[in-house]
Each structure stands twice: as structure tokens, then as C-alpha cells.
Amino acid sequence: MCRILLVAVGLLLSGSACVDVDVAEYESRTTVVYHRPKPPPPVRRALPRPPTCRHDPRPTPPTPSSVFAAWMPNSKRLSSRWTTIVIHHSATPSGSASLFDKFHRAKGWDELGYHFVIGNGSNTPDGYVEVGPRWHKQKHGAHCKTPDNYFNEHGIGICLVGDFTKTSPTPRQLASLDLLLRFLTDRCAIAPSRITSHAAVTGKTQCPGSHFYLAGVRRALAQQMTATTMP
């Protein structure tokens, strides 16, 4: 018995009883796996804004303070003859007061038949109101012939450049027309119901065309006259 114990002690001291460990397996169990860090999100830099255009080729929308004085006749006195307003279109894609003046003179008239012409951006700026010589003289018109010539004698003729059988007036033309009508109805004591068109008077023309909405112009003017006071 003692001999057996001595043999066991000897084996332990000699190390022959140690269990061999597989180094590769140990490393596979203990190796630390390092993950590649995620790259930071890209920095988004705001693109520079394009330079602001300081030049606007379009005219500044008209305002009462800037245009009403210019629309008064040279004498600064308005005739009592005016009782109605007749709206026309030129039936041409372009034009101006000077061009229509030449055309009217070629027909044997003494000068431009309208009192006002509102441009569409072709030959004059879009929405620009040209005051004709007849208005400065407070002279009868030559724009709406009837047997009694009433609408030439007592009607203020306004022509918008354009063919409104094909296209509509521009927004700037309508804005200028609205302001001009406010001026004329107030200064000449003309009710909105007295604003008419060439076609409505004679029945022999399409002027100012199916794309011009006269009833809407009258209604908008009446509403503004009720809500505001003219300067």
C-alpha cells in the first residue's frame, strides 16, 4: 500500500500526469475579434445661394399715389361730358399708343382714337398705361361708332393690347385696368354698371374678345369701391 502511494506521489512530482492543451484551439477560443469602427457621417455643407438679381425688367405695379396724378389731363380739369367707359382690345398680339396712332391716322382720323392704351409687354412694358392726347385735351373719342355717336362723345375709350379671342389679358394688364377704372369712375362719377365693351354697344364686333370677362371686372370694381376710399 505504501508502495502504491509512493508511486503516485512520484508521478505527480515528475509532471507526467499533466494533460496537454491544444494551443490552436485555445487561441481560437480566446482570440478577441476587433470590429472596424464605422466612419463618421459625411458633413453636408450648404451650397452657396445664387446671387440675387437686383434688376427687375418688369415695371413696378402701379399704385394710386404714383399714377393718379399722371392720369389727370394737362389742364388738371375733367370735362363733364364723360358718362360711360368703353373697353376694347387691339385684336393684335402687339402694339402701343404710337403704333395705333399711325394706324388710325392712315384711316383718315385726326389722331389716336382711344383715350388710354394698356400694354402687354410687346412694345411697351406689361401693364403700362399710356395716356392718349385725346384725354389730355378732354376730347371726344373715335373708338365706338354708333348712329348717334353717343359712345364717342361721352365714352372714355380704353384699349388693352392683345387679341382676347385667342388669349387672356395678362395679370398686369388687369391690375392696371382695375386701378384705371377706379380712378375714372371716382373722378368722373361713373358707376361700374356704366362700364361696357365695344361688342356690347355695337353688336357688330367681338371686341374685346371672349377671354375678357367684363362682368368680373365690374363686380371686382364695385366691391373695391364699397370697401375702400379713393385717395
C-alpha atoms as a PDB file:
ATOM      1  CA  MET A   1       0.000   0.000   0.000  1.00  0.00           C
ATOM      2  CA  CYS A   2       2.757   2.391   0.910  1.00  0.00           C
ATOM      3  CA  ARG A   3       4.492   1.492  -2.297  1.00  0.00           C
ATOM      4  CA  ILE A   4       1.456   2.448  -4.353  1.00  0.00           C
ATOM      5  CA  LEU A   5       1.236   5.832  -2.652  1.00  0.00           C
ATOM      6  CA  LEU A   6       4.901   6.487  -3.277  1.00  0.00           C
ATOM      7  CA  VAL A   7       4.496   5.701  -6.988  1.00  0.00           C
ATOM      8  CA  ALA A   8       1.529   8.135  -7.253  1.00  0.00           C
ATOM      9  CA  VAL A   9       3.462  10.871  -5.497  1.00  0.00           C
ATOM     10  CA  GLY A  10       6.373  10.334  -7.860  1.00  0.00           C
ATOM     11  CA  LEU A  11       4.217  10.629 -10.898  1.00  0.00           C
ATOM     12  CA  LEU A  12       2.773  13.893  -9.686  1.00  0.00           C
ATOM     13  CA  LEU A  13       6.200  15.309  -8.943  1.00  0.00           C
ATOM     14  CA  SER A  14       7.557  14.299 -12.326  1.00  0.00           C
ATOM     15  CA  GLY A  15       4.672  16.087 -14.176  1.00  0.00           C
ATOM     16  CA  SER A  16       3.818  13.098 -16.337  1.00  0.00           C
ATOM     17  CA  ALA A  17       0.221  13.230 -15.143  1.00  0.00           C
ATOM     18  CA  CYS A  18      -0.401  16.804 -16.685  1.00  0.00           C
ATOM     19  CA  VAL A  19      -2.947  16.980 -19.532  1.00  0.00           C
ATOM     20  CA  ASP A  20      -1.611  18.512 -22.787  1.00  0.00           C
ATOM     21  CA  VAL A  21      -3.648  21.536 -24.042  1.00  0.00           C
ATOM     22  CA  ASP A  22      -4.233  22.160 -27.827  1.00  0.00           C
ATOM     23  CA  VAL A  23      -2.698  25.635 -28.342  1.00  0.00           C
ATOM     24  CA  ALA A  24      -4.580  26.321 -31.602  1.00  0.00           C
ATOM     25  CA  GLU A  25      -7.914  25.502 -30.036  1.00  0.00           C
ATOM     26  CA  TYR A  26      -7.094  27.720 -27.062  1.00  0.00           C
ATOM     27  CA  GLU A  27      -6.235  30.619 -29.284  1.00  0.00           C
ATOM     28  CA  SER A  28      -9.403  30.163 -31.306  1.00  0.00           C
ATOM     29  CA  ARG A  29     -11.412  30.385 -28.127  1.00  0.00           C
ATOM     30  CA  THR A  30      -9.614  33.348 -26.659  1.00  0.00           C
ATOM     31  CA  THR A  31      -8.802  35.489 -29.683  1.00  0.00           C
ATOM     32  CA  VAL A  32     -10.509  38.903 -29.458  1.00  0.00           C
ATOM     33  CA  VAL A  33     -12.234  39.975 -32.682  1.00  0.00           C
ATOM     34  CA  TYR A  34     -11.825  43.721 -33.316  1.00  0.00           C
ATOM     35  CA  HIS A  35     -14.620  45.377 -35.391  1.00  0.00           C
ATOM     36  CA  ARG A  36     -13.671  48.170 -37.783  1.00  0.00           C
ATOM     37  CA  PRO A  37     -15.212  51.377 -36.479  1.00  0.00           C
ATOM     38  CA  LYS A  38     -17.940  52.952 -38.633  1.00  0.00           C
ATOM     39  CA  PRO A  39     -16.816  56.067 -40.496  1.00  0.00           C
ATOM     40  CA  PRO A  40     -18.388  59.299 -39.274  1.00  0.00           C
ATOM     41  CA  PRO A  41     -21.330  60.562 -41.369  1.00  0.00           C
ATOM     42  CA  PRO A  42     -20.319  62.963 -44.127  1.00  0.00           C
ATOM     43  CA  VAL A  43     -20.601  66.615 -43.299  1.00  0.00           C
ATOM     44  CA  ARG A  44     -23.195  68.198 -45.552  1.00  0.00           C
ATOM     45  CA  ARG A  45     -22.216  71.713 -46.374  1.00  0.00           C
ATOM     46  CA  ALA A  46     -24.877  74.092 -47.567  1.00  0.00           C
ATOM     47  CA  LEU A  47     -24.378  75.150 -51.161  1.00  0.00           C
ATOM     48  CA  PRO A  48     -23.869  78.882 -51.640  1.00  0.00           C
ATOM     49  CA  ARG A  49     -27.024  80.693 -52.719  1.00  0.00           C
ATOM     50  CA  PRO A  50     -27.018  82.176 -56.187  1.00  0.00           C
ATOM     51  CA  PRO A  51     -26.632  85.938 -56.216  1.00  0.00           C
ATOM     52  CA  THR A  52     -29.900  87.842 -56.109  1.00  0.00           C
ATOM     53  CA  CYS A  53     -30.750  89.669 -59.298  1.00  0.00           C
ATOM     54  CA  ARG A  54     -31.070  93.314 -58.419  1.00  0.00           C
ATOM     55  CA  HIS A  55     -32.557  94.310 -61.747  1.00  0.00           C
ATOM     56  CA  ASP A  56     -36.210  93.531 -62.400  1.00  0.00           C
ATOM     57  CA  PRO A  57     -37.052  94.335 -66.020  1.00  0.00           C
ATOM     58  CA  ARG A  58     -40.752  94.358 -65.186  1.00  0.00           C
ATOM     59  CA  PRO A  59     -42.300  97.662 -64.151  1.00  0.00           C
ATOM     60  CA  THR A  60     -43.310  98.214 -60.571  1.00  0.00           C
ATOM     61  CA  PRO A  61     -47.046  97.554 -60.170  1.00  0.00           C
ATOM     62  CA  PRO A  62     -48.899 100.855 -60.273  1.00  0.00           C
ATOM     63  CA  THR A  63     -50.107 102.435 -57.061  1.00  0.00           C
ATOM     64  CA  PRO A  64     -52.592 105.275 -56.626  1.00  0.00           C
ATOM     65  CA  SER A  65     -50.009 107.684 -55.266  1.00  0.00           C
ATOM     66  CA  SER A  66     -47.664 107.135 -58.209  1.00  0.00           C
ATOM     67  CA  VAL A  67     -50.064 107.207 -61.137  1.00  0.00           C
ATOM     68  CA  PHE A  68     -53.239 109.142 -60.402  1.00  0.00           C
ATOM     69  CA  ALA A  69     -51.502 112.488 -60.866  1.00  0.00           C
ATOM     70  CA  ALA A  70     -50.091 111.309 -64.196  1.00  0.00           C
ATOM     71  CA  TRP A  71     -53.563 110.314 -65.373  1.00  0.00           C
ATOM     72  CA  MET A  72     -55.022 113.757 -64.869  1.00  0.00           C
ATOM     73  CA  PRO A  73     -55.313 115.784 -68.086  1.00  0.00           C
ATOM     74  CA  ASN A  74     -52.819 118.546 -68.702  1.00  0.00           C
ATOM     75  CA  SER A  75     -55.370 121.161 -67.664  1.00  0.00           C
ATOM     76  CA  LYS A  76     -55.946 119.261 -64.376  1.00  0.00           C
ATOM     77  CA  ARG A  77     -59.646 119.680 -65.055  1.00  0.00           C
ATOM     78  CA  LEU A  78     -62.014 116.910 -66.120  1.00  0.00           C
ATOM     79  CA  SER A  79     -64.833 117.516 -68.563  1.00  0.00           C
ATOM     80  CA  SER A  80     -68.414 116.828 -67.500  1.00  0.00           C
ATOM     81  CA  ARG A  81     -69.036 115.027 -70.788  1.00  0.00           C
ATOM     82  CA  TRP A  82     -67.934 111.600 -69.556  1.00  0.00           C
ATOM     83  CA  THR A  83     -70.775 109.240 -68.621  1.00  0.00           C
ATOM     84  CA  THR A  84     -69.506 105.828 -69.659  1.00  0.00           C
ATOM     85  CA  ILE A  85     -66.334 103.777 -70.272  1.00  0.00           C
ATOM     86  CA  VAL A  86     -65.826 101.501 -73.290  1.00  0.00           C
ATOM     87  CA  ILE A  87     -63.227  98.731 -73.153  1.00  0.00           C
ATOM     88  CA  HIS A  88     -61.516  97.398 -76.296  1.00  0.00           C
ATOM     89  CA  HIS A  89     -58.751  95.026 -77.277  1.00  0.00           C
ATOM     90  CA  SER A  90     -56.374  95.802 -80.101  1.00  0.00           C
ATOM     91  CA  ALA A  91     -57.015  92.399 -81.787  1.00  0.00           C
ATOM     92  CA  THR A  92     -53.257  92.269 -82.396  1.00  0.00           C
ATOM     93  CA  PRO A  93     -50.550  90.398 -80.441  1.00  0.00           C
ATOM     94  CA  SER A  94     -48.512  93.586 -80.035  1.00  0.00           C
ATOM     95  CA  GLY A  95     -48.883  97.320 -80.192  1.00  0.00           C
ATOM     96  CA  SER A  96     -48.675 100.671 -78.457  1.00  0.00           C
ATOM     97  CA  ALA A  97     -50.338 104.069 -78.478  1.00  0.00           C
ATOM     98  CA  SER A  98     -47.893 105.413 -81.062  1.00  0.00           C
ATOM     99  CA  LEU A  99     -48.421 102.453 -83.408  1.00  0.00           C
ATOM    100  CA  PHE A 100     -52.193 102.652 -83.120  1.00  0.00           C
ATOM    101  CA  ASP A 101     -51.992 106.415 -83.687  1.00  0.00           C
ATOM    102  CA  LYS A 102     -50.249 105.820 -87.025  1.00  0.00           C
ATOM    103  CA  PHE A 103     -52.844 103.205 -87.971  1.00  0.00           C
ATOM    104  CA  HIS A 104     -55.745 105.493 -87.106  1.00  0.00           C
ATOM    105  CA  ARG A 105     -54.248 108.428 -88.955  1.00  0.00           C
ATOM    106  CA  ALA A 106     -53.832 106.184 -92.017  1.00  0.00           C
ATOM    107  CA  LYS A 107     -57.604 105.610 -91.858  1.00  0.00           C
ATOM    108  CA  GLY A 108     -58.174 109.359 -92.024  1.00  0.00           C
ATOM    109  CA  TRP A 109     -58.705 110.023 -88.314  1.00  0.00           C
ATOM    110  CA  ASP A 110     -57.120 113.071 -86.752  1.00  0.00           C
ATOM    111  CA  GLU A 111     -55.210 111.103 -84.082  1.00  0.00           C
ATOM    112  CA  LEU A 112     -55.316 108.062 -81.800  1.00  0.00           C
ATOM    113  CA  GLY A 113     -58.950 107.111 -81.280  1.00  0.00           C
ATOM    114  CA  TYR A 114     -58.577 105.765 -77.722  1.00  0.00           C
ATOM    115  CA  HIS A 115     -58.035 107.777 -74.579  1.00  0.00           C
ATOM    116  CA  PHE A 116     -55.848 105.136 -72.880  1.00  0.00           C
ATOM    117  CA  VAL A 117     -53.806 102.133 -74.057  1.00  0.00           C
ATOM    118  CA  ILE A 118     -52.582  99.395 -71.674  1.00  0.00           C
ATOM    119  CA  GLY A 119     -49.506  97.497 -72.906  1.00  0.00           C
ATOM    120  CA  ASN A 120     -48.902  93.755 -72.772  1.00  0.00           C
ATOM    121  CA  GLY A 121     -45.094  93.754 -72.762  1.00  0.00           C
ATOM    122  CA  SER A 122     -44.658  93.729 -76.539  1.00  0.00           C
ATOM    123  CA  ASN A 123     -43.943  97.337 -77.461  1.00  0.00           C
ATOM    124  CA  THR A 124     -44.436  98.845 -74.018  1.00  0.00           C
ATOM    125  CA  PRO A 125     -43.997  97.295 -70.562  1.00  0.00           C
ATOM    126  CA  ASP A 126     -46.624  94.810 -69.445  1.00  0.00           C
ATOM    127  CA  GLY A 127     -49.387  96.715 -67.661  1.00  0.00           C
ATOM    128  CA  TYR A 128     -48.068 100.143 -68.613  1.00  0.00           C
ATOM    129  CA  VAL A 129     -50.855 102.695 -69.100  1.00  0.00           C
ATOM    130  CA  GLU A 130     -50.317 105.170 -71.948  1.00  0.00           C
ATOM    131  CA  VAL A 131     -52.376 108.346 -71.810  1.00  0.00           C
ATOM    132  CA  GLY A 132     -53.512 109.452 -75.264  1.00  0.00           C
ATOM    133  CA  PRO A 133     -53.678 113.053 -76.492  1.00  0.00           C
ATOM    134  CA  ARG A 134     -57.493 112.968 -76.573  1.00  0.00           C
ATOM    135  CA  TRP A 135     -57.573 112.513 -72.816  1.00  0.00           C
ATOM    136  CA  HIS A 136     -55.170 115.358 -72.186  1.00  0.00           C
ATOM    137  CA  LYS A 137     -57.420 117.569 -74.334  1.00  0.00           C
ATOM    138  CA  GLN A 138     -60.602 116.085 -72.813  1.00  0.00           C
ATOM    139  CA  LYS A 139     -61.634 115.496 -76.391  1.00  0.00           C
ATOM    140  CA  HIS A 140     -64.289 113.115 -77.750  1.00  0.00           C
ATOM    141  CA  GLY A 141     -63.144 109.648 -78.751  1.00  0.00           C
ATOM    142  CA  ALA A 142     -63.031 107.802 -82.059  1.00  0.00           C
ATOM    143  CA  HIS A 143     -63.333 104.225 -80.892  1.00  0.00           C
ATOM    144  CA  CYS A 144     -67.007 103.198 -80.753  1.00  0.00           C
ATOM    145  CA  LYS A 145     -69.142 104.372 -83.685  1.00  0.00           C
ATOM    146  CA  THR A 146     -72.926 104.337 -83.248  1.00  0.00           C
ATOM    147  CA  PRO A 147     -75.668 106.134 -85.221  1.00  0.00           C
ATOM    148  CA  ASP A 148     -75.943 108.862 -82.587  1.00  0.00           C
ATOM    149  CA  ASN A 149     -72.198 108.770 -81.848  1.00  0.00           C
ATOM    150  CA  TYR A 150     -73.033 108.808 -78.134  1.00  0.00           C
ATOM    151  CA  PHE A 151     -70.225 106.484 -77.038  1.00  0.00           C
ATOM    152  CA  ASN A 152     -67.608 108.523 -78.871  1.00  0.00           C
ATOM    153  CA  GLU A 153     -68.923 111.807 -77.492  1.00  0.00           C
ATOM    154  CA  HIS A 154     -69.375 110.631 -73.911  1.00  0.00           C
ATOM    155  CA  GLY A 155     -67.391 107.420 -73.596  1.00  0.00           C
ATOM    156  CA  ILE A 156     -63.793 107.058 -72.384  1.00  0.00           C
ATOM    157  CA  GLY A 157     -62.062 104.567 -74.673  1.00  0.00           C
ATOM    158  CA  ILE A 158     -59.581 102.115 -73.110  1.00  0.00           C
ATOM    159  CA  CYS A 159     -57.692  99.655 -75.315  1.00  0.00           C
ATOM    160  CA  LEU A 160     -55.783  96.659 -73.945  1.00  0.00           C
ATOM    161  CA  VAL A 161     -53.088  95.390 -76.306  1.00  0.00           C
ATOM    162  CA  GLY A 162     -53.734  91.781 -77.307  1.00  0.00           C
ATOM    163  CA  ASP A 163     -56.131  89.518 -79.137  1.00  0.00           C
ATOM    164  CA  PHE A 164     -58.506  88.245 -76.478  1.00  0.00           C
ATOM    165  CA  THR A 165     -60.325  85.976 -78.883  1.00  0.00           C
ATOM    166  CA  LYS A 166     -57.229  83.759 -78.524  1.00  0.00           C
ATOM    167  CA  THR A 167     -55.549  84.641 -75.234  1.00  0.00           C
ATOM    168  CA  SER A 168     -56.440  86.341 -71.960  1.00  0.00           C
ATOM    169  CA  PRO A 169     -55.213  89.717 -70.750  1.00  0.00           C
ATOM    170  CA  THR A 170     -52.071  89.482 -68.652  1.00  0.00           C
ATOM    171  CA  PRO A 171     -52.401  89.788 -64.857  1.00  0.00           C
ATOM    172  CA  ARG A 172     -50.562  93.103 -65.004  1.00  0.00           C
ATOM    173  CA  GLN A 173     -52.911  94.432 -67.646  1.00  0.00           C
ATOM    174  CA  LEU A 174     -55.903  93.536 -65.497  1.00  0.00           C
ATOM    175  CA  ALA A 175     -54.323  95.091 -62.405  1.00  0.00           C
ATOM    176  CA  SER A 176     -53.665  98.318 -64.294  1.00  0.00           C
ATOM    177  CA  LEU A 177     -57.141  98.291 -65.803  1.00  0.00           C
ATOM    178  CA  ASP A 178     -58.662  97.854 -62.350  1.00  0.00           C
ATOM    179  CA  LEU A 179     -56.720 100.812 -60.994  1.00  0.00           C
ATOM    180  CA  LEU A 180     -57.502 102.972 -64.036  1.00  0.00           C
ATOM    181  CA  LEU A 181     -61.203 102.167 -63.718  1.00  0.00           C
ATOM    182  CA  ARG A 182     -61.116 103.080 -60.038  1.00  0.00           C
ATOM    183  CA  PHE A 183     -59.591 106.411 -60.968  1.00  0.00           C
ATOM    184  CA  LEU A 184     -62.051 107.164 -63.782  1.00  0.00           C
ATOM    185  CA  THR A 185     -65.219 106.040 -62.007  1.00  0.00           C
ATOM    186  CA  ASP A 186     -64.289 108.091 -58.955  1.00  0.00           C
ATOM    187  CA  ARG A 187     -63.115 111.254 -60.685  1.00  0.00           C
ATOM    188  CA  CYS A 188     -65.836 111.246 -63.349  1.00  0.00           C
ATOM    189  CA  ALA A 189     -68.652 109.876 -61.145  1.00  0.00           C
ATOM    190  CA  ILE A 190     -69.267 106.885 -63.421  1.00  0.00           C
ATOM    191  CA  ALA A 191     -70.986 103.870 -61.867  1.00  0.00           C
ATOM    192  CA  PRO A 192     -69.425 100.414 -62.524  1.00  0.00           C
ATOM    193  CA  SER A 193     -72.637  99.449 -64.337  1.00  0.00           C
ATOM    194  CA  ARG A 194     -71.749 102.092 -66.933  1.00  0.00           C
ATOM    195  CA  ILE A 195     -68.564 100.265 -67.902  1.00  0.00           C
ATOM    196  CA  THR A 196     -69.200  98.444 -71.150  1.00  0.00           C
ATOM    197  CA  SER A 197     -67.402  96.903 -74.126  1.00  0.00           C
ATOM    198  CA  HIS A 198     -67.230  97.626 -77.841  1.00  0.00           C
ATOM    199  CA  ALA A 199     -69.160  94.441 -78.654  1.00  0.00           C
ATOM    200  CA  ALA A 200     -71.871  95.157 -76.084  1.00  0.00           C
ATOM    201  CA  VAL A 201     -72.510  98.568 -77.642  1.00  0.00           C
ATOM    202  CA  THR A 202     -72.483  97.764 -81.352  1.00  0.00           C
ATOM    203  CA  GLY A 203     -73.074  94.011 -81.562  1.00  0.00           C
ATOM    204  CA  LYS A 204     -71.009  94.032 -84.764  1.00  0.00           C
ATOM    205  CA  THR A 205     -67.633  93.018 -83.345  1.00  0.00           C
ATOM    206  CA  GLN A 206     -66.097  90.511 -80.939  1.00  0.00           C
ATOM    207  CA  CYS A 207     -64.063  93.252 -79.257  1.00  0.00           C
ATOM    208  CA  PRO A 208     -62.685  92.798 -76.594  1.00  0.00           C
ATOM    209  CA  GLY A 209     -62.963  89.032 -77.168  1.00  0.00           C
ATOM    210  CA  SER A 210     -64.381  86.052 -75.308  1.00  0.00           C
ATOM    211  CA  HIS A 211     -61.342  85.829 -72.996  1.00  0.00           C
ATOM    212  CA  PHE A 212     -62.124  89.222 -71.479  1.00  0.00           C
ATOM    213  CA  TYR A 213     -64.593  88.857 -68.599  1.00  0.00           C
ATOM    214  CA  LEU A 214     -66.412  92.175 -68.346  1.00  0.00           C
ATOM    215  CA  ALA A 215     -68.848  91.078 -65.625  1.00  0.00           C
ATOM    216  CA  GLY A 216     -65.945  90.050 -63.388  1.00  0.00           C
ATOM    217  CA  VAL A 217     -64.231  93.403 -63.888  1.00  0.00           C
ATOM    218  CA  ARG A 218     -67.410  95.269 -62.956  1.00  0.00           C
ATOM    219  CA  ARG A 219     -68.051  93.111 -59.884  1.00  0.00           C
ATOM    220  CA  ALA A 220     -64.497  93.424 -58.553  1.00  0.00           C
ATOM    221  CA  LEU A 221     -64.581  97.181 -59.032  1.00  0.00           C
ATOM    222  CA  ALA A 222     -67.912  97.534 -57.241  1.00  0.00           C
ATOM    223  CA  GLN A 223     -66.606  95.516 -54.284  1.00  0.00           C
ATOM    224  CA  GLN A 224     -63.477  97.647 -54.019  1.00  0.00           C
ATOM    225  CA  MET A 225     -65.456 100.870 -54.193  1.00  0.00           C
ATOM    226  CA  THR A 226     -67.592  99.641 -51.298  1.00  0.00           C
ATOM    227  CA  ALA A 227     -64.646  98.527 -49.163  1.00  0.00           C
ATOM    228  CA  THR A 228     -62.161 101.349 -49.753  1.00  0.00           C
ATOM    229  CA  THR A 229     -61.969 105.081 -50.125  1.00  0.00           C
ATOM    230  CA  MET A 230     -60.063 106.580 -53.016  1.00  0.00           C
ATOM    231  CA  PRO A 231     -57.036 108.721 -52.133  1.00  0.00           C
END
